[in-house]
């Protein structure tokens, strides 16, 4: 099933965020994962022009999909350790 993806503002042509909260790297052509959990990140480090910045995935999701109900977000809202 294909889900809606949007370019992350400030990181166009580098990263996209899906309607369920996955982060997709266009350079690597894959979803970023942690410990085999595709929704494991609650903070993600995105790089642009050699500068890396941490972002809260749920906040990014809310910015890019404001019309969706919060229950559509499948990612971690708090820190998850495995």
PDB file of N, CA and C in Angstrom:
ATOM      1  N   UNK A   1       0.834  -1.183   0.000  1.00  0.00           N
ATOM      2  CA  UNK A   1       0.000   0.000   0.000  1.00  0.00           C
ATOM      3  C   UNK A   1       0.885   1.254   0.000  1.00  0.00           C
ATOM      4  N   UNK A   2       0.677   2.111  -0.948  1.00  0.00           N
ATOM      5  CA  UNK A   2       1.422   3.369  -1.048  1.00  0.00           C
ATOM      6  C   UNK A   2       0.730   4.429  -0.197  1.00  0.00           C
ATOM      7  N   UNK A   3       1.515   5.125   0.622  1.00  0.00           N
ATOM      8  CA  UNK A   3       0.925   6.193   1.425  1.00  0.00           C
ATOM      9  C   UNK A   3       1.426   7.549   0.947  1.00  0.00           C
ATOM     10  N   UNK A   4       0.702   8.583   1.305  1.00  0.00           N
ATOM     11  CA  UNK A   4       1.025   9.936   0.898  1.00  0.00           C
ATOM     12  C   UNK A   4       2.369  10.357   1.503  1.00  0.00           C
ATOM     13  N   UNK A   5       3.243  10.959   0.678  1.00  0.00           N
ATOM     14  CA  UNK A   5       4.538  11.473   1.147  1.00  0.00           C
ATOM     15  C   UNK A   5       4.660  12.927   0.747  1.00  0.00           C
ATOM     16  N   UNK A   6       5.294  13.708   1.625  1.00  0.00           N
ATOM     17  CA  UNK A   6       5.539  15.116   1.342  1.00  0.00           C
ATOM     18  C   UNK A   6       6.999  15.440   1.633  1.00  0.00           C
ATOM     19  N   UNK A   7       7.565  16.331   0.815  1.00  0.00           N
ATOM     20  CA  UNK A   7       8.942  16.782   1.049  1.00  0.00           C
ATOM     21  C   UNK A   7       8.992  17.552   2.360  1.00  0.00           C
ATOM     22  N   UNK A   8      10.027  17.310   3.150  1.00  0.00           N
ATOM     23  CA  UNK A   8      10.196  18.035   4.407  1.00  0.00           C
ATOM     24  C   UNK A   8      10.746  19.419   4.091  1.00  0.00           C
ATOM     25  N   UNK A   9      10.055  20.441   4.590  1.00  0.00           N
ATOM     26  CA  UNK A   9      10.446  21.826   4.316  1.00  0.00           C
ATOM     27  C   UNK A   9      11.867  22.086   4.793  1.00  0.00           C
ATOM     28  N   UNK A  10      12.663  22.665   3.921  1.00  0.00           N
ATOM     29  CA  UNK A  10      14.068  22.920   4.216  1.00  0.00           C
ATOM     30  C   UNK A  10      14.975  21.764   3.823  1.00  0.00           C
ATOM     31  N   UNK A  11      14.364  20.626   3.508  1.00  0.00           N
ATOM     32  CA  UNK A  11      15.119  19.421   3.128  1.00  0.00           C
ATOM     33  C   UNK A  11      14.536  18.819   1.859  1.00  0.00           C
ATOM     34  N   UNK A  12      13.977  19.670   1.001  1.00  0.00           N
ATOM     35  CA  UNK A  12      13.406  19.208  -0.260  1.00  0.00           C
ATOM     36  C   UNK A  12      14.488  18.482  -1.067  1.00  0.00           C
ATOM     37  N   UNK A  13      14.105  17.470  -1.782  1.00  0.00           N
ATOM     38  CA  UNK A  13      15.009  16.620  -2.576  1.00  0.00           C
ATOM     39  C   UNK A  13      15.977  15.810  -1.718  1.00  0.00           C
ATOM     40  N   UNK A  14      15.775  15.808  -0.385  1.00  0.00           N
ATOM     41  CA  UNK A  14      16.612  15.014   0.506  1.00  0.00           C
ATOM     42  C   UNK A  14      15.784  14.019   1.316  1.00  0.00           C
ATOM     43  N   UNK A  15      14.707  14.532   1.949  1.00  0.00           N
ATOM     44  CA  UNK A  15      13.881  13.703   2.825  1.00  0.00           C
ATOM     45  C   UNK A  15      12.408  13.989   2.591  1.00  0.00           C
ATOM     46  N   UNK A  16      11.595  12.947   2.839  1.00  0.00           N
ATOM     47  CA  UNK A  16      10.146  13.084   2.802  1.00  0.00           C
ATOM     48  C   UNK A  16       9.573  12.452   4.061  1.00  0.00           C
ATOM     49  N   UNK A  17       8.393  12.912   4.450  1.00  0.00           N
ATOM     50  CA  UNK A  17       7.685  12.328   5.586  1.00  0.00           C
ATOM     51  C   UNK A  17       6.371  11.762   5.061  1.00  0.00           C
ATOM     52  N   UNK A  18       5.985  10.596   5.570  1.00  0.00           N
ATOM     53  CA  UNK A  18       4.757   9.955   5.109  1.00  0.00           C
ATOM     54  C   UNK A  18       3.591  10.312   6.026  1.00  0.00           C
ATOM     55  N   UNK A  19       2.404  10.014   5.554  1.00  0.00           N
ATOM     56  CA  UNK A  19       1.196  10.314   6.323  1.00  0.00           C
ATOM     57  C   UNK A  19       1.097   9.505   7.614  1.00  0.00           C
ATOM     58  N   UNK A  20       1.896   8.464   7.763  1.00  0.00           N
ATOM     59  CA  UNK A  20       1.891   7.686   9.005  1.00  0.00           C
ATOM     60  C   UNK A  20       3.085   8.010   9.903  1.00  0.00           C
ATOM     61  N   UNK A  21       4.019   8.836   9.416  1.00  0.00           N
ATOM     62  CA  UNK A  21       5.133   9.265  10.253  1.00  0.00           C
ATOM     63  C   UNK A  21       6.484   8.671   9.922  1.00  0.00           C
ATOM     64  N   UNK A  22       6.591   7.943   8.827  1.00  0.00           N
ATOM     65  CA  UNK A  22       7.906   7.417   8.421  1.00  0.00           C
ATOM     66  C   UNK A  22       8.715   8.548   7.782  1.00  0.00           C
ATOM     67  N   UNK A  23      10.040   8.479   7.937  1.00  0.00           N
ATOM     68  CA  UNK A  23      10.944   9.421   7.282  1.00  0.00           C
ATOM     69  C   UNK A  23      11.641   8.659   6.159  1.00  0.00           C
ATOM     70  N   UNK A  24      11.561   9.191   4.947  1.00  0.00           N
ATOM     71  CA  UNK A  24      12.128   8.543   3.765  1.00  0.00           C
ATOM     72  C   UNK A  24      13.300   9.375   3.256  1.00  0.00           C
ATOM     73  N   UNK A  25      14.465   8.728   3.071  1.00  0.00           N
ATOM     74  CA  UNK A  25      15.651   9.373   2.522  1.00  0.00           C
ATOM     75  C   UNK A  25      15.660   9.179   1.012  1.00  0.00           C
ATOM     76  N   UNK A  26      15.604  10.269   0.267  1.00  0.00           N
ATOM     77  CA  UNK A  26      15.636  10.180  -1.195  1.00  0.00           C
ATOM     78  C   UNK A  26      17.015   9.754  -1.687  1.00  0.00           C
ATOM     79  N   UNK A  27      18.061  10.163  -0.983  1.00  0.00           N
ATOM     80  CA  UNK A  27      19.422   9.801  -1.372  1.00  0.00           C
ATOM     81  C   UNK A  27      19.643   8.289  -1.228  1.00  0.00           C
ATOM     82  N   UNK A  28      19.195   7.733  -0.110  1.00  0.00           N
ATOM     83  CA  UNK A  28      19.391   6.299   0.151  1.00  0.00           C
ATOM     84  C   UNK A  28      18.263   5.441  -0.420  1.00  0.00           C
ATOM     85  N   UNK A  29      17.187   6.103  -0.843  1.00  0.00           N
ATOM     86  CA  UNK A  29      16.015   5.415  -1.405  1.00  0.00           C
ATOM     87  C   UNK A  29      15.449   4.374  -0.446  1.00  0.00           C
ATOM     88  N   UNK A  30      15.310   4.776   0.821  1.00  0.00           N
ATOM     89  CA  UNK A  30      14.746   3.887   1.828  1.00  0.00           C
ATOM     90  C   UNK A  30      14.210   4.686   3.014  1.00  0.00           C
ATOM     91  N   UNK A  31      13.355   4.012   3.770  1.00  0.00           N
ATOM     92  CA  UNK A  31      12.829   4.586   5.000  1.00  0.00           C
ATOM     93  C   UNK A  31      13.885   4.453   6.086  1.00  0.00           C
ATOM     94  N   UNK A  32      14.070   5.507   6.868  1.00  0.00           N
ATOM     95  CA  UNK A  32      15.019   5.449   7.971  1.00  0.00           C
ATOM     96  C   UNK A  32      14.408   4.642   9.105  1.00  0.00           C
ATOM     97  N   UNK A  33      15.181   3.692   9.643  1.00  0.00           N
ATOM     98  CA  UNK A  33      14.685   2.785  10.675  1.00  0.00           C
ATOM     99  C   UNK A  33      15.663   2.732  11.835  1.00  0.00           C
ATOM    100  N   UNK A  34      15.153   2.310  12.988  1.00  0.00           N
ATOM    101  CA  UNK A  34      15.979   2.091  14.171  1.00  0.00           C
ATOM    102  C   UNK A  34      15.591   0.755  14.770  1.00  0.00           C
ATOM    103  N   UNK A  35      16.542  -0.114  14.971  1.00  0.00           N
ATOM    104  CA  UNK A  35      16.307  -1.417  15.606  1.00  0.00           C
ATOM    105  C   UNK A  35      15.163  -2.178  14.939  1.00  0.00           C
ATOM    106  N   UNK A  36      15.133  -2.184  13.625  1.00  0.00           N
ATOM    107  CA  UNK A  36      14.098  -2.882  12.861  1.00  0.00           C
ATOM    108  C   UNK A  36      12.689  -2.370  13.130  1.00  0.00           C
ATOM    109  N   UNK A  37      12.575  -1.165  13.676  1.00  0.00           N
ATOM    110  CA  UNK A  37      11.268  -0.560  13.953  1.00  0.00           C
ATOM    111  C   UNK A  37      11.138   0.664  13.061  1.00  0.00           C
ATOM    112  N   UNK A  38      10.349   0.555  12.000  1.00  0.00           N
ATOM    113  CA  UNK A  38      10.239   1.652  11.044  1.00  0.00           C
ATOM    114  C   UNK A  38       9.616   2.902  11.641  1.00  0.00           C
ATOM    115  N   UNK A  39       9.017   2.794  12.826  1.00  0.00           N
ATOM    116  CA  UNK A  39       8.438   3.962  13.493  1.00  0.00           C
ATOM    117  C   UNK A  39       9.183   4.278  14.790  1.00  0.00           C
ATOM    118  N   UNK A  40      10.391   3.772  14.962  1.00  0.00           N
ATOM    119  CA  UNK A  40      11.098   3.875  16.243  1.00  0.00           C
ATOM    120  C   UNK A  40      11.607   5.243  16.617  1.00  0.00           C
ATOM    121  N   UNK A  41      11.807   6.120  15.657  1.00  0.00           N
ATOM    122  CA  UNK A  41      12.385   7.417  15.973  1.00  0.00           C
ATOM    123  C   UNK A  41      11.350   8.375  16.535  1.00  0.00           C
ATOM    124  N   UNK A  42      11.707   9.091  17.570  1.00  0.00           N
ATOM    125  CA  UNK A  42      10.875  10.222  17.961  1.00  0.00           C
ATOM    126  C   UNK A  42      11.638  11.514  17.685  1.00  0.00           C
ATOM    127  N   UNK A  43      12.960  11.417  17.618  1.00  0.00           N
ATOM    128  CA  UNK A  43      13.827  12.521  17.193  1.00  0.00           C
ATOM    129  C   UNK A  43      14.663  11.999  16.026  1.00  0.00           C
ATOM    130  N   UNK A  44      14.769  12.797  14.969  1.00  0.00           N
ATOM    131  CA  UNK A  44      15.547  12.386  13.793  1.00  0.00           C
ATOM    132  C   UNK A  44      16.543  13.478  13.447  1.00  0.00           C
ATOM    133  N   UNK A  45      17.740  13.083  13.049  1.00  0.00           N
ATOM    134  CA  UNK A  45      18.761  14.038  12.626  1.00  0.00           C
ATOM    135  C   UNK A  45      18.740  14.114  11.110  1.00  0.00           C
ATOM    136  N   UNK A  46      18.405  15.286  10.583  1.00  0.00           N
ATOM    137  CA  UNK A  46      18.378  15.512   9.143  1.00  0.00           C
ATOM    138  C   UNK A  46      19.551  16.387   8.750  1.00  0.00           C
ATOM    139  N   UNK A  47      20.182  16.064   7.627  1.00  0.00           N
ATOM    140  CA  UNK A  47      21.358  16.798   7.156  1.00  0.00           C
ATOM    141  C   UNK A  47      21.072  17.511   5.845  1.00  0.00           C
ATOM    142  N   UNK A  48      21.584  18.735   5.744  1.00  0.00           N
ATOM    143  CA  UNK A  48      21.461  19.528   4.527  1.00  0.00           C
ATOM    144  C   UNK A  48      22.718  20.376   4.402  1.00  0.00           C
ATOM    145  N   UNK A  49      23.422  20.231   3.292  1.00  0.00           N
ATOM    146  CA  UNK A  49      24.660  20.979   3.050  1.00  0.00           C
ATOM    147  C   UNK A  49      25.680  20.806   4.173  1.00  0.00           C
ATOM    148  N   UNK A  50      25.793  19.582   4.691  1.00  0.00           N
ATOM    149  CA  UNK A  50      26.786  19.283   5.716  1.00  0.00           C
ATOM    150  C   UNK A  50      26.394  19.692   7.118  1.00  0.00           C
ATOM    151  N   UNK A  51      25.228  20.274   7.298  1.00  0.00           N
ATOM    152  CA  UNK A  51      24.775  20.694   8.620  1.00  0.00           C
ATOM    153  C   UNK A  51      23.632  19.783   9.065  1.00  0.00           C
ATOM    154  N   UNK A  52      23.825  19.119  10.219  1.00  0.00           N
ATOM    155  CA  UNK A  52      22.817  18.208  10.755  1.00  0.00           C
ATOM    156  C   UNK A  52      22.041  18.883  11.875  1.00  0.00           C
ATOM    157  N   UNK A  53      20.729  18.671  11.875  1.00  0.00           N
ATOM    158  CA  UNK A  53      19.853  19.256  12.874  1.00  0.00           C
ATOM    159  C   UNK A  53      18.855  18.209  13.346  1.00  0.00           C
ATOM    160  N   UNK A  54      18.612  18.166  14.671  1.00  0.00           N
ATOM    161  CA  UNK A  54      17.631  17.246  15.233  1.00  0.00           C
ATOM    162  C   UNK A  54      16.224  17.820  15.084  1.00  0.00           C
ATOM    163  N   UNK A  55      15.270  16.926  14.811  1.00  0.00           N
ATOM    164  CA  UNK A  55      13.867  17.317  14.660  1.00  0.00           C
ATOM    165  C   UNK A  55      12.988  16.286  15.359  1.00  0.00           C
ATOM    166  N   UNK A  56      11.927  16.754  15.990  1.00  0.00           N
ATOM    167  CA  UNK A  56      10.922  15.882  16.573  1.00  0.00           C
ATOM    168  C   UNK A  56      10.029  15.397  15.434  1.00  0.00           C
ATOM    169  N   UNK A  57       9.940  14.090  15.241  1.00  0.00           N
ATOM    170  CA  UNK A  57       9.200  13.518  14.104  1.00  0.00           C
ATOM    171  C   UNK A  57       7.715  13.860  14.192  1.00  0.00           C
ATOM    172  N   UNK A  58       7.128  13.801  15.375  1.00  0.00           N
ATOM    173  CA  UNK A  58       5.708  14.107  15.516  1.00  0.00           C
ATOM    174  C   UNK A  58       5.431  15.566  15.148  1.00  0.00           C
ATOM    175  N   UNK A  59       6.315  16.474  15.542  1.00  0.00           N
ATOM    176  CA  UNK A  59       6.148  17.895  15.192  1.00  0.00           C
ATOM    177  C   UNK A  59       6.262  18.093  13.680  1.00  0.00           C
ATOM    178  N   UNK A  60       7.219  17.410  13.048  1.00  0.00           N
ATOM    179  CA  UNK A  60       7.335  17.474  11.584  1.00  0.00           C
ATOM    180  C   UNK A  60       6.058  16.963  10.930  1.00  0.00           C
ATOM    181  N   UNK A  61       5.545  15.851  11.447  1.00  0.00           N
ATOM    182  CA  UNK A  61       4.336  15.257  10.890  1.00  0.00           C
ATOM    183  C   UNK A  61       3.162  16.232  10.999  1.00  0.00           C
ATOM    184  N   UNK A  62       3.007  16.873  12.165  1.00  0.00           N
ATOM    185  CA  UNK A  62       1.910  17.827  12.356  1.00  0.00           C
ATOM    186  C   UNK A  62       2.027  19.013  11.397  1.00  0.00           C
ATOM    187  N   UNK A  63       3.257  19.462  11.108  1.00  0.00           N
ATOM    188  CA  UNK A  63       3.466  20.574  10.181  1.00  0.00           C
ATOM    189  C   UNK A  63       3.087  20.187   8.754  1.00  0.00           C
ATOM    190  N   UNK A  64       3.376  18.960   8.366  1.00  0.00           N
ATOM    191  CA  UNK A  64       3.175  18.537   6.987  1.00  0.00           C
ATOM    192  C   UNK A  64       1.814  17.901   6.725  1.00  0.00           C
ATOM    193  N   UNK A  65       1.145  17.419   7.768  1.00  0.00           N
ATOM    194  CA  UNK A  65      -0.171  16.792   7.623  1.00  0.00           C
ATOM    195  C   UNK A  65      -1.142  17.354   8.675  1.00  0.00           C
ATOM    196  N   UNK A  66      -1.367  18.659   8.676  1.00  0.00           N
ATOM    197  CA  UNK A  66      -2.211  19.271   9.723  1.00  0.00           C
ATOM    198  C   UNK A  66      -3.673  18.819   9.690  1.00  0.00           C
ATOM    199  N   UNK A  67      -4.161  18.379   8.553  1.00  0.00           N
ATOM    200  CA  UNK A  67      -5.564  17.983   8.441  1.00  0.00           C
ATOM    201  C   UNK A  67      -5.828  16.570   8.953  1.00  0.00           C
ATOM    202  N   UNK A  68      -4.785  15.774   9.132  1.00  0.00           N
ATOM    203  CA  UNK A  68      -4.976  14.391   9.575  1.00  0.00           C
ATOM    204  C   UNK A  68      -5.194  14.313  11.073  1.00  0.00           C
ATOM    205  N   UNK A  69      -5.978  13.320  11.483  1.00  0.00           N
ATOM    206  CA  UNK A  69      -6.205  13.052  12.893  1.00  0.00           C
ATOM    207  C   UNK A  69      -4.923  12.496  13.505  1.00  0.00           C
ATOM    208  N   UNK A  70      -4.652  12.850  14.754  1.00  0.00           N
ATOM    209  CA  UNK A  70      -3.438  12.402  15.441  1.00  0.00           C
ATOM    210  C   UNK A  70      -3.310  10.877  15.469  1.00  0.00           C
ATOM    211  N   UNK A  71      -4.412  10.161  15.406  1.00  0.00           N
ATOM    212  CA  UNK A  71      -4.366   8.696  15.428  1.00  0.00           C
ATOM    213  C   UNK A  71      -3.740   8.121  14.157  1.00  0.00           C
ATOM    214  N   UNK A  72      -3.633   8.916  13.095  1.00  0.00           N
ATOM    215  CA  UNK A  72      -2.993   8.471  11.850  1.00  0.00           C
ATOM    216  C   UNK A  72      -1.474   8.358  12.012  1.00  0.00           C
ATOM    217  N   UNK A  73      -0.907   9.089  12.984  1.00  0.00           N
ATOM    218  CA  UNK A  73       0.539   9.052  13.239  1.00  0.00           C
ATOM    219  C   UNK A  73       0.876   7.759  13.958  1.00  0.00           C
ATOM    220  N   UNK A  74       1.741   6.939  13.358  1.00  0.00           N
ATOM    221  CA  UNK A  74       2.083   5.628  13.916  1.00  0.00           C
ATOM    222  C   UNK A  74       3.454   5.623  14.602  1.00  0.00           C
ATOM    223  N   UNK A  75       4.157   6.726  14.542  1.00  0.00           N
ATOM    224  CA  UNK A  75       5.503   6.800  15.098  1.00  0.00           C
ATOM    225  C   UNK A  75       5.516   6.964  16.600  1.00  0.00           C
ATOM    226  N   UNK A  76       6.716   7.076  17.135  1.00  0.00           N
ATOM    227  CA  UNK A  76       6.921   7.246  18.573  1.00  0.00           C
ATOM    228  C   UNK A  76       6.761   8.724  18.926  1.00  0.00           C
ATOM    229  N   UNK A  77       5.965   9.006  19.937  1.00  0.00           N
ATOM    230  CA  UNK A  77       5.812  10.382  20.404  1.00  0.00           C
ATOM    231  C   UNK A  77       6.773  10.690  21.537  1.00  0.00           C
ATOM    232  N   UNK A  78       7.312   9.639  22.157  1.00  0.00           N
ATOM    233  CA  UNK A  78       8.290   9.780  23.223  1.00  0.00           C
ATOM    234  C   UNK A  78       9.447   8.838  22.936  1.00  0.00           C
ATOM    235  N   UNK A  79      10.494   8.943  23.724  1.00  0.00           N
ATOM    236  CA  UNK A  79      11.688   8.125  23.535  1.00  0.00           C
ATOM    237  C   UNK A  79      11.355   6.652  23.723  1.00  0.00           C
ATOM    238  N   UNK A  80      11.837   5.829  22.785  1.00  0.00           N
ATOM    239  CA  UNK A  80      11.680   4.371  22.867  1.00  0.00           C
ATOM    240  C   UNK A  80      13.069   3.735  22.857  1.00  0.00           C
ATOM    241  N   UNK A  81      13.376   2.964  23.853  1.00  0.00           N
ATOM    242  CA  UNK A  81      14.653   2.255  23.893  1.00  0.00           C
ATOM    243  C   UNK A  81      14.413   0.775  23.741  1.00  0.00           C
ATOM    244  N   UNK A  82      15.338   0.106  23.025  1.00  0.00           N
ATOM    245  CA  UNK A  82      15.240  -1.352  22.848  1.00  0.00           C
ATOM    246  C   UNK A  82      16.528  -1.988  23.268  1.00  0.00           C
TER     247      UNK A  82
END
